[in-house]
């Protein structure tokens, strides 16, 4: 719904995409505002549900509203994951990944282009409670991403990647099968000795660009 901000009454409404809500199982949705054409704001939608076999369906969509009672769907991207399916993070990020002025959509392990096409899937990355994306150093070309994992069967704990093209830059892992819930992770410029961001969770404080421990856990 698009609401009248002063009164709280709906100005225009639209149903979720049918290929999302028609599926049985637990589900969740997230909404945001982005600029898929670089000029006009649009509603960005991410919906996810879980099937009886614990696999997932995702639907991404972009909608426009130009006044009146109609919300127009620009595109819809349904994704049905077979095993091993990517269990995405809890967060939706809307950000211009390639500097063309148009906003992409991101979860912690895959990205969708501004035109509704799938940009990339990060191999081996499953569900995590935190991920971040942005410019983590002033000389950086493109965007970077950092995230943590919850009970990844491969042993993956945290990862740092090129968020523009989806290539992995470094990872920290346990032995396969040793499940660990890394509940929190952060990035930030907290060490004045280095001109780039640091990344940290339970594994110590790392120089994000160099994957070098600056302060052990």
N, C-alpha and C. Protein backbone atom coordinates (compact mmCIF):
# COMPACT_ATOMS: atom_id res chain seq x y z
N UNK A 1 0.83 -1.19 0.00
CA UNK A 1 0.00 0.00 0.00
C UNK A 1 0.87 1.25 0.00
N UNK A 2 0.41 2.27 -0.72
CA UNK A 2 0.95 3.63 -0.61
C UNK A 2 -0.02 4.39 0.27
N UNK A 3 0.49 4.97 1.36
CA UNK A 3 -0.36 5.59 2.36
C UNK A 3 -0.27 7.11 2.33
N UNK A 4 -1.36 7.75 2.69
CA UNK A 4 -1.36 9.17 2.97
C UNK A 4 -0.63 9.36 4.30
N UNK A 5 0.51 10.03 4.26
CA UNK A 5 1.33 10.13 5.46
C UNK A 5 0.70 10.90 6.58
N UNK A 6 -0.19 11.83 6.29
CA UNK A 6 -0.82 12.63 7.33
C UNK A 6 -2.00 11.90 7.98
N UNK A 7 -2.71 11.09 7.19
CA UNK A 7 -3.93 10.46 7.69
C UNK A 7 -3.80 8.95 7.88
N UNK A 8 -2.81 8.33 7.24
CA UNK A 8 -2.67 6.89 7.36
C UNK A 8 -3.60 6.08 6.49
N UNK A 9 -4.34 6.72 5.61
CA UNK A 9 -5.28 6.01 4.74
C UNK A 9 -4.59 5.59 3.45
N UNK A 10 -4.95 4.42 2.89
CA UNK A 10 -4.31 3.95 1.66
C UNK A 10 -4.72 4.76 0.44
N UNK A 11 -3.76 5.16 -0.35
CA UNK A 11 -4.02 5.83 -1.62
C UNK A 11 -4.07 4.85 -2.77
N UNK A 12 -3.25 3.80 -2.69
CA UNK A 12 -3.24 2.76 -3.72
C UNK A 12 -2.76 1.47 -3.08
N UNK A 13 -3.29 0.34 -3.52
CA UNK A 13 -2.89 -0.96 -2.98
C UNK A 13 -2.68 -1.95 -4.12
N UNK A 14 -1.93 -3.00 -3.80
CA UNK A 14 -1.68 -4.06 -4.77
C UNK A 14 -1.40 -5.35 -4.01
N UNK A 15 -1.83 -6.48 -4.56
CA UNK A 15 -1.53 -7.77 -3.95
C UNK A 15 -0.08 -8.16 -4.20
N UNK A 16 0.45 -9.02 -3.31
CA UNK A 16 1.75 -9.61 -3.56
C UNK A 16 1.70 -10.44 -4.84
N UNK A 17 2.84 -10.71 -5.49
CA UNK A 17 2.83 -11.56 -6.69
C UNK A 17 2.24 -12.94 -6.39
N UNK A 18 1.39 -13.41 -7.28
CA UNK A 18 0.69 -14.67 -7.04
C UNK A 18 1.63 -15.86 -6.94
N UNK A 19 2.77 -15.84 -7.66
CA UNK A 19 3.69 -16.96 -7.60
C UNK A 19 4.44 -17.01 -6.28
N UNK A 20 4.24 -16.00 -5.43
CA UNK A 20 4.80 -16.05 -4.09
C UNK A 20 3.77 -16.55 -3.08
N UNK A 21 2.66 -15.85 -2.93
CA UNK A 21 1.79 -16.17 -1.80
C UNK A 21 0.96 -17.41 -2.04
N UNK A 22 0.85 -17.90 -3.28
CA UNK A 22 0.09 -19.12 -3.53
C UNK A 22 0.80 -20.36 -3.01
N UNK A 23 2.09 -20.27 -2.71
CA UNK A 23 2.83 -21.42 -2.20
C UNK A 23 2.53 -21.60 -0.72
N UNK A 24 2.49 -22.85 -0.29
CA UNK A 24 2.21 -23.15 1.11
C UNK A 24 3.48 -22.99 1.94
N UNK A 25 3.31 -22.68 3.22
CA UNK A 25 4.43 -22.65 4.13
C UNK A 25 4.62 -21.29 4.77
N UNK A 26 5.58 -21.26 5.69
CA UNK A 26 5.92 -20.03 6.38
C UNK A 26 6.54 -19.04 5.41
N UNK A 27 6.28 -17.75 5.61
CA UNK A 27 6.79 -16.77 4.67
C UNK A 27 7.08 -15.45 5.38
N UNK A 28 7.82 -14.61 4.69
CA UNK A 28 8.09 -13.27 5.18
C UNK A 28 8.29 -12.34 4.00
N UNK A 29 8.15 -11.05 4.23
CA UNK A 29 8.31 -10.07 3.16
C UNK A 29 9.12 -8.89 3.67
N UNK A 30 9.79 -8.23 2.75
CA UNK A 30 10.48 -6.97 3.04
C UNK A 30 10.23 -6.01 1.89
N UNK A 31 10.11 -4.73 2.23
CA UNK A 31 9.85 -3.68 1.26
C UNK A 31 10.88 -2.56 1.42
N UNK A 32 11.15 -1.86 0.33
CA UNK A 32 12.03 -0.71 0.38
C UNK A 32 11.79 0.18 -0.82
N UNK A 33 12.49 1.29 -0.87
CA UNK A 33 12.38 2.23 -1.99
C UNK A 33 13.73 2.28 -2.70
N UNK A 34 13.71 2.13 -4.03
CA UNK A 34 14.91 2.22 -4.84
C UNK A 34 14.63 2.94 -6.14
N UNK A 35 15.66 3.11 -6.95
CA UNK A 35 15.56 3.83 -8.22
C UNK A 35 16.03 2.90 -9.35
N UNK A 36 15.15 2.05 -9.86
CA UNK A 36 15.57 1.10 -10.90
C UNK A 36 15.95 1.75 -12.22
N UNK A 37 15.44 2.95 -12.49
CA UNK A 37 15.82 3.65 -13.71
C UNK A 37 16.78 4.81 -13.44
N UNK A 38 17.19 4.98 -12.20
CA UNK A 38 18.09 6.06 -11.83
C UNK A 38 17.43 7.40 -11.63
N UNK A 39 16.10 7.48 -11.85
CA UNK A 39 15.41 8.77 -11.78
C UNK A 39 14.19 8.70 -10.86
N UNK A 40 13.32 7.73 -11.11
CA UNK A 40 12.04 7.67 -10.42
C UNK A 40 12.05 6.63 -9.30
N UNK A 41 11.53 7.00 -8.12
CA UNK A 41 11.48 6.04 -7.02
C UNK A 41 10.45 4.95 -7.29
N UNK A 42 10.80 3.73 -6.90
CA UNK A 42 9.91 2.59 -7.03
C UNK A 42 9.91 1.79 -5.74
N UNK A 43 8.86 1.02 -5.54
CA UNK A 43 8.78 0.11 -4.41
C UNK A 43 9.51 -1.17 -4.78
N UNK A 44 10.43 -1.59 -3.91
CA UNK A 44 11.13 -2.86 -4.09
C UNK A 44 10.56 -3.87 -3.10
N UNK A 45 10.34 -5.08 -3.58
CA UNK A 45 9.70 -6.12 -2.78
C UNK A 45 10.55 -7.39 -2.81
N UNK A 46 10.71 -8.00 -1.64
CA UNK A 46 11.31 -9.34 -1.54
C UNK A 46 10.40 -10.19 -0.67
N UNK A 47 9.90 -11.27 -1.24
CA UNK A 47 9.08 -12.22 -0.50
C UNK A 47 9.72 -13.59 -0.50
N UNK A 48 9.59 -14.30 0.62
CA UNK A 48 10.18 -15.64 0.74
C UNK A 48 9.24 -16.52 1.53
N UNK A 49 9.12 -17.78 1.10
CA UNK A 49 8.43 -18.76 1.91
C UNK A 49 9.15 -20.09 1.88
N UNK A 50 8.72 -20.99 2.76
CA UNK A 50 9.38 -22.28 2.93
C UNK A 50 8.40 -23.38 2.59
N UNK A 51 8.83 -24.30 1.74
CA UNK A 51 8.01 -25.43 1.36
C UNK A 51 8.09 -26.54 2.41
N UNK A 52 7.26 -27.56 2.23
CA UNK A 52 7.21 -28.63 3.22
C UNK A 52 8.53 -29.39 3.31
N UNK A 53 9.30 -29.43 2.21
CA UNK A 53 10.60 -30.10 2.24
C UNK A 53 11.71 -29.17 2.72
N UNK A 54 11.33 -27.98 3.22
CA UNK A 54 12.24 -26.97 3.76
C UNK A 54 13.05 -26.25 2.69
N UNK A 55 12.73 -26.45 1.43
CA UNK A 55 13.31 -25.62 0.38
C UNK A 55 12.57 -24.28 0.36
N UNK A 56 13.08 -23.35 -0.43
CA UNK A 56 12.55 -21.99 -0.39
C UNK A 56 12.11 -21.51 -1.77
N UNK A 57 11.14 -20.62 -1.76
CA UNK A 57 10.77 -19.83 -2.93
C UNK A 57 11.01 -18.36 -2.59
N UNK A 58 11.63 -17.65 -3.50
CA UNK A 58 11.80 -16.21 -3.37
C UNK A 58 11.12 -15.52 -4.55
N UNK A 59 10.60 -14.34 -4.30
CA UNK A 59 10.11 -13.48 -5.38
C UNK A 59 10.60 -12.07 -5.12
N UNK A 60 11.23 -11.48 -6.13
CA UNK A 60 11.61 -10.08 -6.11
C UNK A 60 10.72 -9.34 -7.11
N UNK A 61 10.37 -8.09 -6.80
CA UNK A 61 9.53 -7.32 -7.70
C UNK A 61 9.83 -5.83 -7.53
N UNK A 62 9.51 -5.08 -8.56
CA UNK A 62 9.61 -3.62 -8.52
C UNK A 62 8.28 -3.05 -8.98
N UNK A 63 7.74 -2.09 -8.23
CA UNK A 63 6.46 -1.45 -8.54
C UNK A 63 6.62 0.06 -8.59
N UNK A 64 5.85 0.69 -9.43
CA UNK A 64 5.86 2.15 -9.54
C UNK A 64 4.48 2.71 -9.19
N UNK A 65 4.48 3.92 -8.65
CA UNK A 65 3.23 4.63 -8.35
C UNK A 65 3.37 6.06 -8.84
N UNK A 66 2.47 6.47 -9.70
CA UNK A 66 2.52 7.81 -10.30
C UNK A 66 1.31 8.63 -9.89
N UNK A 67 0.76 8.36 -8.71
CA UNK A 67 -0.47 9.03 -8.29
C UNK A 67 -1.67 8.18 -8.66
N UNK A 68 -2.82 8.54 -8.14
CA UNK A 68 -4.02 7.76 -8.42
C UNK A 68 -4.09 6.50 -7.58
N UNK A 69 -4.88 5.54 -8.02
CA UNK A 69 -5.15 4.35 -7.23
C UNK A 69 -4.43 3.11 -7.76
N UNK A 70 -3.51 3.27 -8.71
CA UNK A 70 -2.87 2.13 -9.35
C UNK A 70 -1.39 2.04 -9.00
N UNK A 71 -0.96 0.87 -8.58
CA UNK A 71 0.46 0.55 -8.42
C UNK A 71 0.82 -0.39 -9.56
N UNK A 72 1.78 -0.01 -10.38
CA UNK A 72 2.14 -0.76 -11.59
C UNK A 72 3.37 -1.61 -11.33
N UNK A 73 3.29 -2.89 -11.68
CA UNK A 73 4.43 -3.78 -11.53
C UNK A 73 5.38 -3.59 -12.72
N UNK A 74 6.65 -3.26 -12.42
CA UNK A 74 7.65 -3.11 -13.47
C UNK A 74 8.21 -4.46 -13.90
N UNK A 75 8.50 -5.32 -12.92
CA UNK A 75 8.98 -6.67 -13.21
C UNK A 75 8.83 -7.54 -11.97
N UNK A 76 8.90 -8.84 -12.18
CA UNK A 76 8.85 -9.80 -11.09
C UNK A 76 9.83 -10.93 -11.40
N UNK A 77 10.59 -11.34 -10.40
CA UNK A 77 11.58 -12.41 -10.57
C UNK A 77 11.32 -13.50 -9.54
N UNK A 78 10.62 -14.59 -9.90
CA UNK A 78 10.47 -15.72 -8.98
C UNK A 78 11.69 -16.62 -9.03
N UNK A 79 12.17 -17.03 -7.87
CA UNK A 79 13.32 -17.93 -7.77
C UNK A 79 12.92 -19.11 -6.91
N UNK A 80 13.01 -20.30 -7.45
CA UNK A 80 12.70 -21.51 -6.70
C UNK A 80 13.98 -22.32 -6.56
N UNK A 81 14.42 -22.47 -5.34
CA UNK A 81 15.73 -23.05 -5.08
C UNK A 81 15.59 -24.55 -4.83
N UNK A 82 16.27 -25.36 -5.62
CA UNK A 82 16.41 -26.77 -5.33
C UNK A 82 17.63 -26.95 -4.41
N UNK A 83 17.73 -28.12 -3.80
CA UNK A 83 18.85 -28.37 -2.90
C UNK A 83 20.16 -28.39 -3.69
N UNK A 84 21.27 -27.83 -3.17
CA UNK A 84 21.30 -27.09 -1.90
C UNK A 84 20.85 -25.65 -2.10
N UNK A 85 19.76 -25.26 -1.49
CA UNK A 85 19.16 -23.95 -1.71
C UNK A 85 19.86 -22.88 -0.87
N UNK A 86 19.98 -21.67 -1.35
CA UNK A 86 20.57 -20.60 -0.56
C UNK A 86 19.58 -20.11 0.50
N UNK A 87 19.93 -20.28 1.76
CA UNK A 87 19.11 -19.75 2.84
C UNK A 87 19.57 -18.32 3.11
N UNK A 88 18.80 -17.37 2.68
CA UNK A 88 19.24 -15.97 2.68
C UNK A 88 19.23 -15.39 4.10
N UNK A 89 19.85 -14.23 4.23
CA UNK A 89 19.89 -13.52 5.50
C UNK A 89 18.53 -12.86 5.77
N UNK A 90 18.43 -12.19 6.91
CA UNK A 90 17.18 -11.52 7.27
C UNK A 90 17.03 -10.16 6.61
N UNK A 91 18.11 -9.62 6.06
CA UNK A 91 18.08 -8.23 5.61
C UNK A 91 17.99 -8.11 4.09
N UNK A 92 17.30 -7.07 3.65
CA UNK A 92 17.29 -6.64 2.26
C UNK A 92 18.07 -5.33 2.18
N UNK A 93 19.03 -5.27 1.26
CA UNK A 93 19.77 -4.04 1.01
C UNK A 93 19.43 -3.53 -0.39
N UNK A 94 19.25 -2.23 -0.52
CA UNK A 94 19.00 -1.59 -1.82
C UNK A 94 20.13 -0.61 -2.05
N UNK A 95 20.92 -0.85 -3.10
CA UNK A 95 22.14 -0.08 -3.29
C UNK A 95 22.57 -0.15 -4.75
N UNK A 96 23.19 0.90 -5.23
CA UNK A 96 23.73 0.92 -6.59
C UNK A 96 25.09 0.22 -6.57
N UNK A 97 25.15 -1.00 -7.06
CA UNK A 97 26.35 -1.81 -6.97
C UNK A 97 27.40 -1.47 -8.01
N UNK A 98 26.99 -0.97 -9.17
CA UNK A 98 27.93 -0.78 -10.26
C UNK A 98 28.11 0.67 -10.69
N UNK A 99 27.54 1.62 -9.94
CA UNK A 99 27.78 3.03 -10.20
C UNK A 99 27.05 3.60 -11.41
N UNK A 100 26.00 2.91 -11.90
CA UNK A 100 25.27 3.43 -13.06
C UNK A 100 24.06 4.26 -12.66
N UNK A 101 23.87 4.52 -11.36
CA UNK A 101 22.75 5.32 -10.87
C UNK A 101 21.49 4.54 -10.63
N UNK A 102 21.48 3.24 -10.94
CA UNK A 102 20.30 2.40 -10.78
C UNK A 102 20.52 1.43 -9.62
N UNK A 103 19.50 1.27 -8.80
CA UNK A 103 19.64 0.50 -7.57
C UNK A 103 19.37 -0.98 -7.78
N UNK A 104 20.29 -1.80 -7.25
CA UNK A 104 20.10 -3.24 -7.19
C UNK A 104 19.53 -3.64 -5.82
N UNK A 105 19.12 -4.91 -5.71
CA UNK A 105 18.61 -5.48 -4.47
C UNK A 105 19.54 -6.61 -4.03
N UNK A 106 19.80 -6.69 -2.71
CA UNK A 106 20.74 -7.69 -2.21
C UNK A 106 20.20 -8.38 -0.97
N UNK A 107 20.47 -9.68 -0.87
CA UNK A 107 20.42 -10.39 0.40
C UNK A 107 21.86 -10.71 0.77
N UNK A 108 22.06 -11.52 1.80
CA UNK A 108 23.42 -11.83 2.21
C UNK A 108 24.16 -12.77 1.29
N UNK A 109 23.48 -13.37 0.32
CA UNK A 109 24.19 -14.30 -0.55
C UNK A 109 23.79 -14.24 -2.02
N UNK A 110 22.90 -13.34 -2.41
CA UNK A 110 22.67 -13.14 -3.84
C UNK A 110 22.18 -11.73 -4.10
N UNK A 111 22.26 -11.32 -5.37
CA UNK A 111 21.90 -9.96 -5.76
C UNK A 111 21.05 -10.00 -7.02
N UNK A 112 20.13 -9.04 -7.12
CA UNK A 112 19.21 -8.91 -8.25
C UNK A 112 19.43 -7.55 -8.90
N UNK A 113 19.57 -7.53 -10.22
CA UNK A 113 19.81 -6.30 -10.96
C UNK A 113 18.59 -5.39 -10.96
N UNK A 114 18.82 -4.14 -11.34
CA UNK A 114 17.75 -3.14 -11.38
C UNK A 114 16.67 -3.48 -12.40
N UNK A 115 17.00 -4.34 -13.39
CA UNK A 115 16.00 -4.73 -14.39
C UNK A 115 15.29 -6.04 -14.04
N UNK A 116 15.57 -6.59 -12.85
CA UNK A 116 14.89 -7.80 -12.42
C UNK A 116 15.58 -9.09 -12.79
N UNK A 117 16.79 -9.05 -13.31
CA UNK A 117 17.56 -10.26 -13.61
C UNK A 117 18.46 -10.61 -12.43
N UNK A 118 18.78 -11.89 -12.30
CA UNK A 118 19.64 -12.34 -11.21
C UNK A 118 21.08 -11.94 -11.53
N UNK A 119 21.72 -11.22 -10.60
CA UNK A 119 23.10 -10.73 -10.84
C UNK A 119 24.13 -11.79 -10.49
N UNK A 120 24.03 -12.37 -9.30
CA UNK A 120 24.95 -13.45 -8.90
C UNK A 120 24.40 -14.14 -7.67
N UNK A 121 24.94 -15.33 -7.41
CA UNK A 121 24.72 -16.08 -6.18
C UNK A 121 26.09 -16.39 -5.59
N UNK A 122 26.31 -16.10 -4.32
CA UNK A 122 27.59 -16.40 -3.69
C UNK A 122 27.66 -17.89 -3.38
N UNK A 123 28.62 -18.61 -3.94
CA UNK A 123 28.68 -20.06 -3.75
C UNK A 123 29.00 -20.42 -2.31
N UNK A 124 28.25 -21.37 -1.76
CA UNK A 124 28.54 -21.90 -0.43
C UNK A 124 28.07 -21.04 0.72
N UNK A 125 27.46 -19.88 0.45
CA UNK A 125 27.00 -18.99 1.51
C UNK A 125 25.53 -19.26 1.79
N UNK A 126 25.21 -19.53 3.05
CA UNK A 126 23.85 -19.80 3.44
C UNK A 126 23.28 -18.70 4.31
N UNK A 127 22.47 -19.10 5.28
CA UNK A 127 21.80 -18.13 6.15
C UNK A 127 22.77 -17.51 7.14
N UNK A 128 22.64 -16.21 7.32
CA UNK A 128 23.39 -15.49 8.34
C UNK A 128 22.55 -14.35 8.88
N UNK A 129 22.83 -13.95 10.11
CA UNK A 129 22.02 -12.90 10.76
C UNK A 129 22.47 -11.49 10.44
N UNK A 130 23.66 -11.31 9.86
CA UNK A 130 24.15 -9.97 9.57
C UNK A 130 24.92 -9.97 8.25
N UNK A 131 24.72 -8.93 7.43
CA UNK A 131 25.62 -8.65 6.33
C UNK A 131 25.59 -7.16 6.02
N UNK A 132 26.69 -6.68 5.44
CA UNK A 132 26.85 -5.25 5.17
C UNK A 132 27.43 -5.07 3.77
N UNK A 133 27.14 -3.94 3.16
CA UNK A 133 27.66 -3.65 1.83
C UNK A 133 27.94 -2.15 1.74
N UNK A 134 29.03 -1.78 1.05
CA UNK A 134 29.33 -0.36 0.90
C UNK A 134 30.75 -0.13 0.42
N UNK A 135 31.17 1.12 0.51
CA UNK A 135 32.55 1.51 0.22
C UNK A 135 33.34 1.40 1.52
N UNK A 136 34.22 0.42 1.60
CA UNK A 136 34.93 0.16 2.84
C UNK A 136 36.35 0.75 2.85
N UNK A 137 36.77 1.34 1.74
CA UNK A 137 38.03 2.09 1.70
C UNK A 137 37.92 3.14 0.60
N UNK A 138 38.63 4.25 0.77
CA UNK A 138 38.45 5.38 -0.15
C UNK A 138 38.97 5.08 -1.55
N UNK A 139 39.92 4.17 -1.68
CA UNK A 139 40.47 3.83 -3.00
C UNK A 139 39.81 2.62 -3.63
N UNK A 140 38.80 2.11 -2.99
CA UNK A 140 38.13 0.89 -3.46
C UNK A 140 37.36 1.15 -4.75
N UNK A 141 37.48 0.22 -5.69
CA UNK A 141 36.70 0.25 -6.93
C UNK A 141 35.51 -0.70 -6.74
N UNK A 142 34.30 -0.19 -6.92
CA UNK A 142 33.12 -1.01 -6.72
C UNK A 142 32.75 -1.13 -5.25
N UNK A 143 31.79 -2.01 -4.96
CA UNK A 143 31.30 -2.20 -3.60
C UNK A 143 31.87 -3.48 -2.99
N UNK A 144 31.95 -3.49 -1.67
CA UNK A 144 32.37 -4.67 -0.93
C UNK A 144 31.23 -5.14 -0.03
N UNK A 145 31.27 -6.40 0.33
CA UNK A 145 30.28 -6.97 1.24
C UNK A 145 30.97 -7.80 2.30
N UNK A 146 30.36 -7.84 3.49
CA UNK A 146 30.86 -8.66 4.60
C UNK A 146 29.66 -9.28 5.29
N UNK A 147 29.74 -10.56 5.62
CA UNK A 147 28.64 -11.22 6.30
C UNK A 147 29.11 -12.35 7.19
N UNK A 148 28.22 -12.80 8.06
CA UNK A 148 28.48 -13.93 8.96
C UNK A 148 27.46 -15.02 8.69
N UNK A 149 27.73 -16.21 9.25
CA UNK A 149 26.92 -17.39 8.95
C UNK A 149 26.37 -18.03 10.21
N UNK A 150 25.25 -18.70 10.03
CA UNK A 150 24.61 -19.44 11.11
C UNK A 150 24.55 -20.92 10.73
N UNK A 151 25.37 -21.73 11.41
CA UNK A 151 25.32 -23.19 11.25
C UNK A 151 25.49 -23.63 9.80
N UNK A 152 26.47 -23.05 9.12
CA UNK A 152 26.75 -23.47 7.75
C UNK A 152 27.41 -24.85 7.79
N UNK A 153 26.86 -25.86 7.11
CA UNK A 153 27.42 -27.21 7.19
C UNK A 153 28.84 -27.32 6.66
N UNK A 154 29.28 -26.37 5.83
CA UNK A 154 30.65 -26.39 5.32
C UNK A 154 31.66 -25.91 6.36
N UNK A 155 31.16 -25.31 7.47
CA UNK A 155 32.03 -24.70 8.47
C UNK A 155 32.29 -23.23 8.27
N UNK A 156 31.72 -22.63 7.21
CA UNK A 156 31.94 -21.21 6.94
C UNK A 156 31.43 -20.36 8.10
N UNK A 157 32.29 -19.42 8.55
CA UNK A 157 31.95 -18.54 9.66
C UNK A 157 31.65 -17.11 9.21
N UNK A 158 32.54 -16.54 8.40
CA UNK A 158 32.38 -15.17 7.92
C UNK A 158 33.05 -15.06 6.56
N UNK A 159 32.66 -14.04 5.81
CA UNK A 159 33.13 -13.92 4.43
C UNK A 159 33.14 -12.46 4.02
N UNK A 160 34.05 -12.15 3.09
CA UNK A 160 34.25 -10.79 2.58
C UNK A 160 34.33 -10.91 1.06
N UNK A 161 33.59 -10.08 0.34
CA UNK A 161 33.47 -10.31 -1.10
C UNK A 161 33.30 -9.01 -1.87
N UNK A 162 33.54 -9.11 -3.18
CA UNK A 162 33.29 -8.01 -4.10
C UNK A 162 31.79 -8.01 -4.39
N UNK A 163 31.08 -7.04 -3.84
CA UNK A 163 29.62 -7.02 -3.97
C UNK A 163 29.17 -6.58 -5.35
N UNK A 164 30.07 -6.02 -6.15
CA UNK A 164 29.70 -5.62 -7.51
C UNK A 164 29.58 -6.82 -8.43
N UNK A 165 30.53 -7.77 -8.33
CA UNK A 165 30.50 -8.92 -9.25
C UNK A 165 30.29 -10.26 -8.56
N UNK A 166 30.26 -10.28 -7.21
CA UNK A 166 30.00 -11.52 -6.49
C UNK A 166 31.18 -12.42 -6.29
N UNK A 167 32.41 -11.95 -6.52
CA UNK A 167 33.58 -12.80 -6.31
C UNK A 167 34.01 -12.74 -4.84
N UNK A 168 34.34 -13.91 -4.27
CA UNK A 168 34.74 -13.99 -2.88
C UNK A 168 36.19 -13.56 -2.73
N UNK A 169 36.47 -12.70 -1.73
CA UNK A 169 37.82 -12.19 -1.50
C UNK A 169 38.51 -12.94 -0.37
N UNK A 170 37.80 -13.23 0.72
CA UNK A 170 38.35 -14.12 1.74
C UNK A 170 37.23 -14.69 2.60
N UNK A 171 37.52 -15.81 3.24
CA UNK A 171 36.58 -16.47 4.14
C UNK A 171 37.34 -16.99 5.36
N UNK A 172 36.61 -17.18 6.47
CA UNK A 172 37.12 -17.85 7.65
C UNK A 172 36.17 -18.99 7.96
N UNK A 173 36.74 -20.18 8.22
CA UNK A 173 35.90 -21.37 8.37
C UNK A 173 36.41 -22.27 9.48
N UNK A 174 35.49 -23.07 10.01
CA UNK A 174 35.81 -24.22 10.83
C UNK A 174 35.93 -25.45 9.94
N UNK A 175 36.21 -26.58 10.55
CA UNK A 175 36.19 -27.84 9.82
C UNK A 175 34.75 -28.13 9.37
N UNK A 176 34.56 -28.74 8.21
CA UNK A 176 33.19 -29.08 7.75
C UNK A 176 32.44 -29.89 8.79
N UNK A 177 31.17 -29.54 8.97
CA UNK A 177 30.32 -30.24 9.91
C UNK A 177 30.33 -29.67 11.31
N UNK A 178 31.27 -28.80 11.64
CA UNK A 178 31.29 -28.15 12.95
C UNK A 178 30.42 -26.90 12.86
N UNK A 179 29.21 -26.99 13.37
CA UNK A 179 28.22 -25.93 13.20
C UNK A 179 28.40 -24.86 14.27
N UNK A 180 28.48 -23.61 13.83
CA UNK A 180 28.63 -22.47 14.73
C UNK A 180 27.67 -21.37 14.28
N UNK A 181 26.94 -20.80 15.22
CA UNK A 181 26.07 -19.66 14.93
C UNK A 181 26.84 -18.39 15.27
N UNK A 182 27.35 -17.72 14.23
CA UNK A 182 28.02 -16.43 14.42
C UNK A 182 26.92 -15.37 14.41
N UNK A 183 26.46 -15.01 15.58
CA UNK A 183 25.26 -14.20 15.68
C UNK A 183 25.44 -12.76 15.27
N UNK A 184 26.66 -12.23 15.37
CA UNK A 184 26.88 -10.81 15.08
C UNK A 184 28.20 -10.61 14.37
N UNK A 185 28.25 -9.62 13.50
CA UNK A 185 29.47 -9.20 12.85
C UNK A 185 29.30 -7.75 12.43
N UNK A 186 30.42 -7.02 12.32
CA UNK A 186 30.35 -5.60 11.97
C UNK A 186 31.52 -5.23 11.07
N UNK A 187 31.37 -4.11 10.39
CA UNK A 187 32.48 -3.46 9.68
C UNK A 187 32.50 -2.00 10.10
N UNK A 188 33.68 -1.43 10.13
CA UNK A 188 33.80 -0.01 10.47
C UNK A 188 35.27 0.38 10.56
N UNK A 189 35.54 1.66 10.45
CA UNK A 189 36.91 2.16 10.56
C UNK A 189 37.19 2.46 12.03
N UNK A 190 37.56 1.42 12.77
CA UNK A 190 37.74 1.57 14.22
C UNK A 190 39.21 1.62 14.63
N UNK A 191 40.13 1.34 13.69
CA UNK A 191 41.55 1.32 14.02
C UNK A 191 42.24 2.43 13.22
N UNK A 192 42.67 3.52 13.87
CA UNK A 192 43.25 4.66 13.15
C UNK A 192 44.60 4.36 12.51
N UNK A 193 45.18 3.19 12.79
CA UNK A 193 46.47 2.85 12.19
C UNK A 193 46.33 2.49 10.71
N UNK A 194 45.11 2.19 10.29
CA UNK A 194 44.89 1.72 8.92
C UNK A 194 43.80 2.57 8.26
N UNK A 195 43.95 2.93 6.99
CA UNK A 195 43.00 3.83 6.32
C UNK A 195 41.78 3.11 5.74
N UNK A 196 41.60 1.85 6.05
CA UNK A 196 40.47 1.09 5.51
C UNK A 196 39.62 0.58 6.67
N UNK A 197 38.46 0.04 6.31
CA UNK A 197 37.56 -0.52 7.33
C UNK A 197 38.16 -1.79 7.93
N UNK A 198 37.75 -2.05 9.16
CA UNK A 198 38.00 -3.33 9.79
C UNK A 198 36.72 -4.16 9.75
N UNK A 199 36.87 -5.47 9.83
CA UNK A 199 35.73 -6.40 9.90
C UNK A 199 35.97 -7.33 11.07
N UNK A 200 34.90 -7.60 11.85
CA UNK A 200 35.09 -8.45 13.01
C UNK A 200 33.81 -9.17 13.40
N UNK A 201 33.99 -10.36 13.94
CA UNK A 201 32.91 -11.13 14.57
C UNK A 201 33.53 -11.81 15.79
N UNK A 202 33.50 -13.16 15.83
CA UNK A 202 34.11 -13.88 16.96
C UNK A 202 35.55 -14.30 16.65
N UNK A 203 36.05 -13.99 15.45
CA UNK A 203 37.35 -14.48 15.02
C UNK A 203 38.47 -13.46 15.20
N UNK A 204 38.17 -12.32 15.79
CA UNK A 204 39.16 -11.27 15.93
C UNK A 204 38.88 -10.11 14.99
N UNK A 205 39.67 -9.05 15.13
CA UNK A 205 39.53 -7.84 14.31
C UNK A 205 40.49 -7.94 13.12
N UNK A 206 39.93 -7.81 11.91
CA UNK A 206 40.71 -7.99 10.69
C UNK A 206 40.73 -6.71 9.87
N UNK A 207 41.88 -6.41 9.26
CA UNK A 207 41.94 -5.43 8.20
C UNK A 207 41.14 -6.00 7.04
N UNK A 208 40.05 -5.34 6.66
CA UNK A 208 39.11 -5.95 5.72
C UNK A 208 39.72 -6.17 4.34
N UNK A 209 40.55 -5.24 3.88
CA UNK A 209 41.13 -5.38 2.55
C UNK A 209 42.20 -6.46 2.49
N UNK A 210 42.96 -6.62 3.57
CA UNK A 210 44.13 -7.50 3.54
C UNK A 210 43.91 -8.83 4.25
N UNK A 211 42.78 -8.99 4.97
CA UNK A 211 42.52 -10.22 5.72
C UNK A 211 43.68 -10.51 6.70
N UNK A 212 44.11 -9.48 7.39
CA UNK A 212 45.19 -9.59 8.36
C UNK A 212 44.65 -9.22 9.73
N UNK A 213 44.94 -10.04 10.74
CA UNK A 213 44.47 -9.76 12.09
C UNK A 213 45.18 -8.52 12.63
N UNK A 214 44.41 -7.53 13.05
CA UNK A 214 44.98 -6.36 13.71
C UNK A 214 44.85 -6.47 15.22
N UNK A 215 43.81 -7.15 15.70
CA UNK A 215 43.65 -7.44 17.11
C UNK A 215 43.05 -8.83 17.23
N UNK A 216 43.72 -9.78 17.88
CA UNK A 216 43.15 -11.13 18.01
C UNK A 216 41.97 -11.14 18.95
N UNK A 217 41.15 -12.17 18.83
CA UNK A 217 39.98 -12.31 19.69
C UNK A 217 40.41 -12.60 21.12
